[in-house]
Amino acid sequence: MSSIVTGEAVVLELRPAGFAPRMLSALIDVAASVVVFVLLMLALGGIAANADESLFQALLVGSVVLVFVVAPAVVEAASRGKSLGRLALGLRIVRDDGGAVRFRHAIIRSVTAVLEIYTLSGALAVFVAVFNDKSKRLGDVLAGTYALQERLPAAAPPPVLTPPELAGWARLADLGRLPDPLSFRISRFLAQTGGMSGPARTALAAELAAETVPYVSPQPPMGTHPEAYLRAVTGERRDRDFARLHRARGSAAVLAARLHRTPFSR
């Protein structure tokens, strides 16, 4: 994981792409570029037959620069770090600070790719990537970029549990009904606490706890930490809602069984 701290003191965990998906995406991009170059050469075949050698060489050099340098850089900058291979594997090129790449980053990577990927058949790119913790190739090192793994399996957030020391209080408390916007903010906060710095986490917990106080009675024991208070309220409300839905489902099942009986059966 790569950690980036935002201006709000929130720590973002970004996952650099591994060596294997980077290599596979590069092979897809190289194959696509070669196919486009071959098609372009076939299209220019008629012109070359009626042109002198110097014009043909100029067209050939221009085609190489266009297909292998300019086009990849333009596509990467316009798509904010994407390419055909990266789109297929769920990768994106980003700056070292996590921001989107610009044309100057893309053109550096594209020019360097001519040397390390096409001229040296990828040997230099593989050598540099193997000894880099983010699997950077030489172009990434010079441009200050790396490949980010975007497409990850969604992990279910851990359930919010009532702290054991507040379980007795939570069972007897009148939790009322929190406003939906406040409940949503509390849920988002509890889901993201692992990626927040200590001071920001404590300050936001205290702010949310203060907004929750009017809807809860009696108040928790003195000295209760704001985050523990929010977890107790959220966990107990979820358990009560689950129990209420379970009872409603049971009542509906009993009613359905009665409705499906014959009129004179018991």
C-alpha atoms as a PDB file:
ATOM      1  CA  MET A   1       0.000   0.000   0.000  1.00  0.00           C
ATOM      2  CA  SER A   2       1.030   3.604  -0.668  1.00  0.00           C
ATOM      3  CA  SER A   3      -0.054   6.202   1.907  1.00  0.00           C
ATOM      4  CA  ILE A   4      -0.896   9.796   0.916  1.00  0.00           C
ATOM      5  CA  VAL A   5      -1.945  12.427   3.461  1.00  0.00           C
ATOM      6  CA  THR A   6      -4.485  14.979   2.166  1.00  0.00           C
ATOM      7  CA  GLY A   7      -4.852  18.568   3.344  1.00  0.00           C
ATOM      8  CA  GLU A   8      -7.610  17.441   5.726  1.00  0.00           C
ATOM      9  CA  ALA A   9      -5.156  15.092   7.486  1.00  0.00           C
ATOM     10  CA  VAL A  10      -6.900  12.051   6.006  1.00  0.00           C
ATOM     11  CA  VAL A  11      -4.563   9.204   5.069  1.00  0.00           C
ATOM     12  CA  LEU A  12      -5.441   7.630   1.718  1.00  0.00           C
ATOM     13  CA  GLU A  13      -4.245   4.100   1.098  1.00  0.00           C
ATOM     14  CA  LEU A  14      -3.467   3.578  -2.601  1.00  0.00           C
ATOM     15  CA  ARG A  15      -2.406   0.221  -3.996  1.00  0.00           C
ATOM     16  CA  PRO A  16       0.356   0.302  -6.624  1.00  0.00           C
ATOM     17  CA  ALA A  17      -0.083  -2.175  -9.458  1.00  0.00           C
ATOM     18  CA  GLY A  18       2.051  -5.290  -9.332  1.00  0.00           C
ATOM     19  CA  PHE A  19       4.702  -6.283 -11.851  1.00  0.00           C
ATOM     20  CA  ALA A  20       2.576  -8.894 -13.657  1.00  0.00           C
ATOM     21  CA  PRO A  21      -0.458  -6.709 -14.479  1.00  0.00           C
ATOM     22  CA  ARG A  22       1.838  -3.872 -15.536  1.00  0.00           C
ATOM     23  CA  MET A  23       3.720  -6.147 -17.917  1.00  0.00           C
ATOM     24  CA  LEU A  24       0.502  -7.578 -19.358  1.00  0.00           C
ATOM     25  CA  SER A  25      -1.010  -4.125 -19.886  1.00  0.00           C
ATOM     26  CA  ALA A  26       2.212  -2.999 -21.577  1.00  0.00           C
ATOM     27  CA  LEU A  27       2.074  -5.995 -23.944  1.00  0.00           C
ATOM     28  CA  ILE A  28      -1.497  -5.091 -24.894  1.00  0.00           C
ATOM     29  CA  ASP A  29      -0.505  -1.483 -25.549  1.00  0.00           C
ATOM     30  CA  VAL A  30       2.544  -2.493 -27.599  1.00  0.00           C
ATOM     31  CA  ALA A  31       0.458  -4.922 -29.682  1.00  0.00           C
ATOM     32  CA  ALA A  32      -2.157  -2.216 -30.302  1.00  0.00           C
ATOM     33  CA  SER A  33       0.526   0.290 -31.359  1.00  0.00           C
ATOM     34  CA  VAL A  34       2.149  -2.210 -33.724  1.00  0.00           C
ATOM     35  CA  VAL A  35      -1.200  -3.012 -35.337  1.00  0.00           C
ATOM     36  CA  VAL A  36      -1.952   0.685 -35.841  1.00  0.00           C
ATOM     37  CA  PHE A  37       1.537   1.230 -37.299  1.00  0.00           C
ATOM     38  CA  VAL A  38       1.138  -1.659 -39.745  1.00  0.00           C
ATOM     39  CA  LEU A  39      -2.248  -0.377 -40.880  1.00  0.00           C
ATOM     40  CA  LEU A  40      -0.793   3.093 -41.334  1.00  0.00           C
ATOM     41  CA  MET A  41       2.064   1.714 -43.421  1.00  0.00           C
ATOM     42  CA  LEU A  42      -0.391  -0.161 -45.611  1.00  0.00           C
ATOM     43  CA  ALA A  43      -2.371   3.039 -46.093  1.00  0.00           C
ATOM     44  CA  LEU A  44       0.800   4.912 -47.051  1.00  0.00           C
ATOM     45  CA  GLY A  45       1.879   2.177 -49.451  1.00  0.00           C
ATOM     46  CA  GLY A  46       0.229   3.868 -52.432  1.00  0.00           C
ATOM     47  CA  ILE A  47       1.933   7.182 -51.645  1.00  0.00           C
ATOM     48  CA  ALA A  48       5.316   5.528 -51.257  1.00  0.00           C
ATOM     49  CA  ALA A  49       5.076   3.965 -54.719  1.00  0.00           C
ATOM     50  CA  ASN A  50       4.893   7.388 -56.356  1.00  0.00           C
ATOM     51  CA  ALA A  51       7.220   9.265 -53.985  1.00  0.00           C
ATOM     52  CA  ASP A  52      10.968   9.575 -53.848  1.00  0.00           C
ATOM     53  CA  GLU A  53      13.017   7.879 -51.144  1.00  0.00           C
ATOM     54  CA  SER A  54      13.495  11.002 -49.001  1.00  0.00           C
ATOM     55  CA  LEU A  55       9.740  11.637 -48.807  1.00  0.00           C
ATOM     56  CA  PHE A  56       9.086   8.022 -47.893  1.00  0.00           C
ATOM     57  CA  GLN A  57      11.708   8.163 -45.134  1.00  0.00           C
ATOM     58  CA  ALA A  58      10.135  11.363 -43.785  1.00  0.00           C
ATOM     59  CA  LEU A  59       6.709   9.714 -43.775  1.00  0.00           C
ATOM     60  CA  LEU A  60       8.159   6.651 -42.076  1.00  0.00           C
ATOM     61  CA  VAL A  61       9.832   8.673 -39.307  1.00  0.00           C
ATOM     62  CA  GLY A  62       6.734  10.803 -38.855  1.00  0.00           C
ATOM     63  CA  SER A  63       4.564   7.693 -38.586  1.00  0.00           C
ATOM     64  CA  VAL A  64       6.861   6.167 -35.961  1.00  0.00           C
ATOM     65  CA  VAL A  65       6.825   9.348 -33.876  1.00  0.00           C
ATOM     66  CA  LEU A  66       3.059   9.711 -34.240  1.00  0.00           C
ATOM     67  CA  VAL A  67       2.150   6.120 -33.380  1.00  0.00           C
ATOM     68  CA  PHE A  68       4.725   5.292 -30.698  1.00  0.00           C
ATOM     69  CA  VAL A  69       5.300   8.688 -29.020  1.00  0.00           C
ATOM     70  CA  VAL A  70       2.619  11.298 -29.666  1.00  0.00           C
ATOM     71  CA  ALA A  71      -0.517   9.118 -29.759  1.00  0.00           C
ATOM     72  CA  PRO A  72       0.189   7.216 -26.497  1.00  0.00           C
ATOM     73  CA  ALA A  73       1.011  10.488 -24.704  1.00  0.00           C
ATOM     74  CA  VAL A  74      -2.166  12.204 -25.933  1.00  0.00           C
ATOM     75  CA  VAL A  75      -4.367   9.233 -25.034  1.00  0.00           C
ATOM     76  CA  GLU A  76      -2.781   8.919 -21.580  1.00  0.00           C
ATOM     77  CA  ALA A  77      -3.117  12.627 -20.797  1.00  0.00           C
ATOM     78  CA  ALA A  78      -6.673  12.901 -22.142  1.00  0.00           C
ATOM     79  CA  SER A  79      -7.878   9.800 -20.275  1.00  0.00           C
ATOM     80  CA  ARG A  80      -6.110  10.767 -17.029  1.00  0.00           C
ATOM     81  CA  GLY A  81      -3.669   7.881 -17.059  1.00  0.00           C
ATOM     82  CA  LYS A  82      -5.533   5.233 -19.034  1.00  0.00           C
ATOM     83  CA  SER A  83      -4.648   3.209 -22.113  1.00  0.00           C
ATOM     84  CA  LEU A  84      -6.116   0.167 -23.837  1.00  0.00           C
ATOM     85  CA  GLY A  85      -4.058  -2.256 -21.737  1.00  0.00           C
ATOM     86  CA  ARG A  86      -4.654  -0.427 -18.467  1.00  0.00           C
ATOM     87  CA  LEU A  87      -8.364  -0.183 -19.175  1.00  0.00           C
ATOM     88  CA  ALA A  88      -8.482  -3.947 -19.653  1.00  0.00           C
ATOM     89  CA  LEU A  89      -6.632  -4.645 -16.386  1.00  0.00           C
ATOM     90  CA  GLY A  90      -8.066  -1.875 -14.227  1.00  0.00           C
ATOM     91  CA  LEU A  91      -4.871   0.198 -13.954  1.00  0.00           C
ATOM     92  CA  ARG A  92      -4.215   3.926 -14.087  1.00  0.00           C
ATOM     93  CA  ILE A  93      -1.037   6.008 -14.194  1.00  0.00           C
ATOM     94  CA  VAL A  94      -0.976   8.658 -11.451  1.00  0.00           C
ATOM     95  CA  ARG A  95       1.583  11.088 -10.089  1.00  0.00           C
ATOM     96  CA  ASP A  96       3.591  10.186  -7.005  1.00  0.00           C
ATOM     97  CA  ASP A  97       1.261  12.412  -4.950  1.00  0.00           C
ATOM     98  CA  GLY A  98      -1.804  10.527  -6.228  1.00  0.00           C
ATOM     99  CA  GLY A  99      -2.951  13.248  -8.644  1.00  0.00           C
ATOM    100  CA  ALA A 100      -3.828  12.839 -12.309  1.00  0.00           C
ATOM    101  CA  VAL A 101      -0.998  12.864 -14.852  1.00  0.00           C
ATOM    102  CA  ARG A 102      -0.615  15.742 -17.283  1.00  0.00           C
ATOM    103  CA  PHE A 103       0.768  15.847 -20.802  1.00  0.00           C
ATOM    104  CA  ARG A 104       4.321  16.549 -19.645  1.00  0.00           C
ATOM    105  CA  HIS A 105       4.269  13.368 -17.536  1.00  0.00           C
ATOM    106  CA  ALA A 106       2.772  11.372 -20.391  1.00  0.00           C
ATOM    107  CA  ILE A 107       5.269  12.607 -22.999  1.00  0.00           C
ATOM    108  CA  ILE A 108       8.230  11.780 -20.736  1.00  0.00           C
ATOM    109  CA  ARG A 109       6.906   8.254 -20.245  1.00  0.00           C
ATOM    110  CA  SER A 110       6.171   7.902 -23.953  1.00  0.00           C
ATOM    111  CA  VAL A 111       9.595   9.080 -25.124  1.00  0.00           C
ATOM    112  CA  THR A 112      11.359   6.885 -22.589  1.00  0.00           C
ATOM    113  CA  ALA A 113       9.250   3.890 -23.689  1.00  0.00           C
ATOM    114  CA  VAL A 114      10.858   4.043 -27.122  1.00  0.00           C
ATOM    115  CA  LEU A 115      14.209   3.239 -25.499  1.00  0.00           C
ATOM    116  CA  GLU A 116      13.305   0.885 -22.679  1.00  0.00           C
ATOM    117  CA  ILE A 117      10.416  -1.023 -24.285  1.00  0.00           C
ATOM    118  CA  TYR A 118      10.807  -0.908 -28.064  1.00  0.00           C
ATOM    119  CA  THR A 119      14.560  -0.461 -28.593  1.00  0.00           C
ATOM    120  CA  LEU A 120      15.651  -2.788 -25.758  1.00  0.00           C
ATOM    121  CA  SER A 121      12.646  -5.135 -26.042  1.00  0.00           C
ATOM    122  CA  GLY A 122      11.493  -4.238 -22.520  1.00  0.00           C
ATOM    123  CA  ALA A 123      14.671  -5.458 -20.818  1.00  0.00           C
ATOM    124  CA  LEU A 124      15.463  -2.096 -19.212  1.00  0.00           C
ATOM    125  CA  ALA A 125      11.857  -1.603 -18.116  1.00  0.00           C
ATOM    126  CA  VAL A 126      11.776  -5.041 -16.478  1.00  0.00           C
ATOM    127  CA  PHE A 127      15.125  -4.497 -14.769  1.00  0.00           C
ATOM    128  CA  VAL A 128      14.078  -1.165 -13.252  1.00  0.00           C
ATOM    129  CA  ALA A 129      10.608  -2.407 -12.252  1.00  0.00           C
ATOM    130  CA  VAL A 130      11.930  -5.489 -10.469  1.00  0.00           C
ATOM    131  CA  PHE A 131      14.036  -3.371  -8.116  1.00  0.00           C
ATOM    132  CA  ASN A 132      11.309  -0.763  -7.441  1.00  0.00           C
ATOM    133  CA  ASP A 133       8.715  -1.168  -4.687  1.00  0.00           C
ATOM    134  CA  LYS A 134       6.007   0.332  -6.932  1.00  0.00           C
ATOM    135  CA  SER A 135       7.049  -1.608 -10.064  1.00  0.00           C
ATOM    136  CA  LYS A 136       8.059   1.624 -11.772  1.00  0.00           C
ATOM    137  CA  ARG A 137       9.810   1.529 -15.115  1.00  0.00           C
ATOM    138  CA  LEU A 138      12.415   4.119 -16.058  1.00  0.00           C
ATOM    139  CA  GLY A 139       9.796   6.408 -17.601  1.00  0.00           C
ATOM    140  CA  ASP A 140       7.875   6.456 -14.317  1.00  0.00           C
ATOM    141  CA  VAL A 141      11.006   7.278 -12.350  1.00  0.00           C
ATOM    142  CA  LEU A 142      11.816  10.229 -14.621  1.00  0.00           C
ATOM    143  CA  ALA A 143       8.221  11.491 -14.806  1.00  0.00           C
ATOM    144  CA  GLY A 144       7.401  10.985 -11.118  1.00  0.00           C
ATOM    145  CA  THR A 145       4.514   8.596 -11.758  1.00  0.00           C
ATOM    146  CA  TYR A 146       3.458   5.039 -10.997  1.00  0.00           C
ATOM    147  CA  ALA A 147       0.660   2.624 -11.933  1.00  0.00           C
ATOM    148  CA  LEU A 148      -2.299   2.470  -9.559  1.00  0.00           C
ATOM    149  CA  GLN A 149      -4.442  -0.647  -9.185  1.00  0.00           C
ATOM    150  CA  GLU A 150      -7.987   0.732  -9.470  1.00  0.00           C
ATOM    151  CA  ARG A 151     -10.104  -2.379  -9.948  1.00  0.00           C
ATOM    152  CA  LEU A 152     -10.095  -4.189  -6.612  1.00  0.00           C
ATOM    153  CA  PRO A 153     -12.668  -6.584  -5.163  1.00  0.00           C
ATOM    154  CA  ALA A 154     -14.969  -4.639  -2.878  1.00  0.00           C
ATOM    155  CA  ALA A 155     -14.462  -5.703   0.705  1.00  0.00           C
ATOM    156  CA  ALA A 156     -17.445  -5.632   3.002  1.00  0.00           C
ATOM    157  CA  PRO A 157     -16.878  -3.158   5.847  1.00  0.00           C
ATOM    158  CA  PRO A 158     -16.636  -4.767   9.299  1.00  0.00           C
ATOM    159  CA  PRO A 159     -19.840  -4.503  11.340  1.00  0.00           C
ATOM    160  CA  VAL A 160     -19.997  -1.783  13.977  1.00  0.00           C
ATOM    161  CA  LEU A 161     -20.040  -3.478  17.391  1.00  0.00           C
ATOM    162  CA  THR A 162     -21.163  -1.977  20.661  1.00  0.00           C
ATOM    163  CA  PRO A 163     -18.154  -1.635  23.005  1.00  0.00           C
ATOM    164  CA  PRO A 164     -18.516  -4.186  25.840  1.00  0.00           C
ATOM    165  CA  GLU A 165     -18.230  -1.498  28.537  1.00  0.00           C
ATOM    166  CA  LEU A 166     -21.274   0.302  27.061  1.00  0.00           C
ATOM    167  CA  ALA A 167     -23.426  -2.742  26.295  1.00  0.00           C
ATOM    168  CA  GLY A 168     -25.483  -2.466  29.496  1.00  0.00           C
ATOM    169  CA  TRP A 169     -26.120   1.237  29.033  1.00  0.00           C
ATOM    170  CA  ALA A 170     -27.007   0.813  25.341  1.00  0.00           C
ATOM    171  CA  ARG A 171     -29.627  -1.884  26.045  1.00  0.00           C
ATOM    172  CA  LEU A 172     -31.517   0.463  28.425  1.00  0.00           C
ATOM    173  CA  ALA A 173     -31.004   3.760  26.550  1.00  0.00           C
ATOM    174  CA  ASP A 174     -33.731   5.502  24.590  1.00  0.00           C
ATOM    175  CA  LEU A 175     -31.976   6.063  21.296  1.00  0.00           C
ATOM    176  CA  GLY A 176     -34.862   7.792  19.552  1.00  0.00           C
ATOM    177  CA  ARG A 177     -34.542   8.363  15.822  1.00  0.00           C
ATOM    178  CA  LEU A 178     -31.458  10.049  14.485  1.00  0.00           C
ATOM    179  CA  PRO A 179     -31.965  12.283  11.436  1.00  0.00           C
ATOM    180  CA  ASP A 180     -31.008  10.418   8.293  1.00  0.00           C
ATOM    181  CA  PRO A 181     -28.227  12.875   7.290  1.00  0.00           C
ATOM    182  CA  LEU A 182     -26.639  12.576  10.742  1.00  0.00           C
ATOM    183  CA  SER A 183     -26.947   8.792  10.740  1.00  0.00           C
ATOM    184  CA  PHE A 184     -25.314   8.658   7.317  1.00  0.00           C
ATOM    185  CA  ARG A 185     -22.415  10.881   8.436  1.00  0.00           C
ATOM    186  CA  ILE A 186     -21.834   8.701  11.511  1.00  0.00           C
ATOM    187  CA  SER A 187     -21.829   5.534   9.386  1.00  0.00           C
ATOM    188  CA  ARG A 188     -19.352   7.055   6.938  1.00  0.00           C
ATOM    189  CA  PHE A 189     -17.119   8.204   9.769  1.00  0.00           C
ATOM    190  CA  LEU A 190     -17.052   4.789  11.447  1.00  0.00           C
ATOM    191  CA  ALA A 191     -16.294   3.120   8.108  1.00  0.00           C
ATOM    192  CA  GLN A 192     -13.321   5.422   7.435  1.00  0.00           C
ATOM    193  CA  THR A 193     -11.717   5.697  10.865  1.00  0.00           C
ATOM    194  CA  GLY A 194      -8.854   3.435   9.827  1.00  0.00           C
ATOM    195  CA  GLY A 195      -7.715   5.957   7.209  1.00  0.00           C
ATOM    196  CA  MET A 196      -7.834   9.068   9.404  1.00  0.00           C
ATOM    197  CA  SER A 197      -5.110  10.625  11.487  1.00  0.00           C
ATOM    198  CA  GLY A 198      -5.531  10.669  15.282  1.00  0.00           C
ATOM    199  CA  PRO A 199      -6.355  14.364  15.881  1.00  0.00           C
ATOM    200  CA  ALA A 200      -8.787  14.600  12.946  1.00  0.00           C
ATOM    201  CA  ARG A 201     -10.462  11.349  13.989  1.00  0.00           C
ATOM    202  CA  THR A 202     -10.946  12.515  17.595  1.00  0.00           C
ATOM    203  CA  ALA A 203     -12.210  15.962  16.586  1.00  0.00           C
ATOM    204  CA  LEU A 204     -14.756  14.595  14.121  1.00  0.00           C
ATOM    205  CA  ALA A 205     -15.935  11.958  16.623  1.00  0.00           C
ATOM    206  CA  ALA A 206     -16.504  14.662  19.241  1.00  0.00           C
ATOM    207  CA  GLU A 207     -18.435  16.802  16.757  1.00  0.00           C
ATOM    208  CA  LEU A 208     -20.711  13.931  15.719  1.00  0.00           C
ATOM    209  CA  ALA A 209     -21.224  12.834  19.334  1.00  0.00           C
ATOM    210  CA  ALA A 210     -22.318  16.365  20.276  1.00  0.00           C
ATOM    211  CA  GLU A 211     -24.906  16.321  17.471  1.00  0.00           C
ATOM    212  CA  THR A 212     -26.169  12.899  18.627  1.00  0.00           C
ATOM    213  CA  VAL A 213     -26.674  13.841  22.302  1.00  0.00           C
ATOM    214  CA  PRO A 214     -30.172  15.412  21.877  1.00  0.00           C
ATOM    215  CA  TYR A 215     -31.540  12.145  20.461  1.00  0.00           C
ATOM    216  CA  VAL A 216     -30.223   9.827  23.213  1.00  0.00           C
ATOM    217  CA  SER A 217     -31.349   9.467  26.819  1.00  0.00           C
ATOM    218  CA  PRO A 218     -29.890   8.915  29.354  1.00  0.00           C
ATOM    219  CA  GLN A 219     -26.369   9.956  28.496  1.00  0.00           C
ATOM    220  CA  PRO A 220     -23.522   7.410  28.704  1.00  0.00           C
ATOM    221  CA  PRO A 221     -21.277   7.129  31.767  1.00  0.00           C
ATOM    222  CA  MET A 222     -18.927  10.017  32.414  1.00  0.00           C
ATOM    223  CA  GLY A 223     -15.628   9.795  30.580  1.00  0.00           C
ATOM    224  CA  THR A 224     -17.011   7.801  27.624  1.00  0.00           C
ATOM    225  CA  HIS A 225     -14.919   8.378  24.514  1.00  0.00           C
ATOM    226  CA  PRO A 226     -16.937  10.048  21.695  1.00  0.00           C
ATOM    227  CA  GLU A 227     -16.083   7.330  19.178  1.00  0.00           C
ATOM    228  CA  ALA A 228     -17.086   4.556  21.607  1.00  0.00           C
ATOM    229  CA  TYR A 229     -20.335   6.456  22.193  1.00  0.00           C
ATOM    230  CA  LEU A 230     -21.039   6.594  18.451  1.00  0.00           C
ATOM    231  CA  ARG A 231     -20.263   2.905  18.056  1.00  0.00           C
ATOM    232  CA  ALA A 232     -22.580   1.999  20.926  1.00  0.00           C
ATOM    233  CA  VAL A 233     -25.445   4.069  19.505  1.00  0.00           C
ATOM    234  CA  THR A 234     -24.958   2.741  15.975  1.00  0.00           C
ATOM    235  CA  GLY A 235     -24.517  -0.879  17.011  1.00  0.00           C
ATOM    236  CA  GLU A 236     -27.530  -0.886  19.354  1.00  0.00           C
ATOM    237  CA  ARG A 237     -29.787   0.807  16.798  1.00  0.00           C
ATOM    238  CA  ARG A 238     -28.781  -1.766  14.179  1.00  0.00           C
ATOM    239  CA  ASP A 239     -29.471  -4.662  16.582  1.00  0.00           C
ATOM    240  CA  ARG A 240     -32.872  -3.220  17.489  1.00  0.00           C
ATOM    241  CA  ASP A 241     -33.784  -2.692  13.837  1.00  0.00           C
ATOM    242  CA  PHE A 242     -32.737  -6.252  13.042  1.00  0.00           C
ATOM    243  CA  ALA A 243     -34.817  -7.650  15.904  1.00  0.00           C
ATOM    244  CA  ARG A 244     -37.817  -5.591  14.822  1.00  0.00           C
ATOM    245  CA  LEU A 245     -37.537  -6.801  11.231  1.00  0.00           C
ATOM    246  CA  HIS A 246     -37.142 -10.383  12.426  1.00  0.00           C
ATOM    247  CA  ARG A 247     -40.353 -10.121  14.468  1.00  0.00           C
ATOM    248  CA  ALA A 248     -42.174  -8.525  11.527  1.00  0.00           C
ATOM    249  CA  ARG A 249     -41.039 -11.337   9.233  1.00  0.00           C
ATOM    250  CA  GLY A 250     -42.232 -13.926  11.724  1.00  0.00           C
ATOM    251  CA  SER A 251     -45.647 -12.225  12.021  1.00  0.00           C
ATOM    252  CA  ALA A 252     -45.943 -12.060   8.247  1.00  0.00           C
ATOM    253  CA  ALA A 253     -45.127 -15.759   7.953  1.00  0.00           C
ATOM    254  CA  VAL A 254     -47.811 -16.659  10.514  1.00  0.00           C
ATOM    255  CA  LEU A 255     -50.366 -14.477   8.732  1.00  0.00           C
ATOM    256  CA  ALA A 256     -49.471 -15.992   5.354  1.00  0.00           C
ATOM    257  CA  ALA A 257     -49.912 -19.504   6.761  1.00  0.00           C
ATOM    258  CA  ARG A 258     -53.364 -18.603   8.067  1.00  0.00           C
ATOM    259  CA  LEU A 259     -54.440 -17.050   4.778  1.00  0.00           C
ATOM    260  CA  HIS A 260     -53.414 -20.166   2.846  1.00  0.00           C
ATOM    261  CA  ARG A 261     -55.410 -22.550   5.026  1.00  0.00           C
ATOM    262  CA  THR A 262     -58.694 -23.972   3.774  1.00  0.00           C
ATOM    263  CA  PRO A 263     -61.762 -22.351   5.401  1.00  0.00           C
ATOM    264  CA  PHE A 264     -62.576 -25.294   7.677  1.00  0.00           C
ATOM    265  CA  SER A 265     -59.082 -26.620   8.448  1.00  0.00           C
ATOM    266  CA  ARG A 266     -57.311 -26.226  11.736  1.00  0.00           C
END
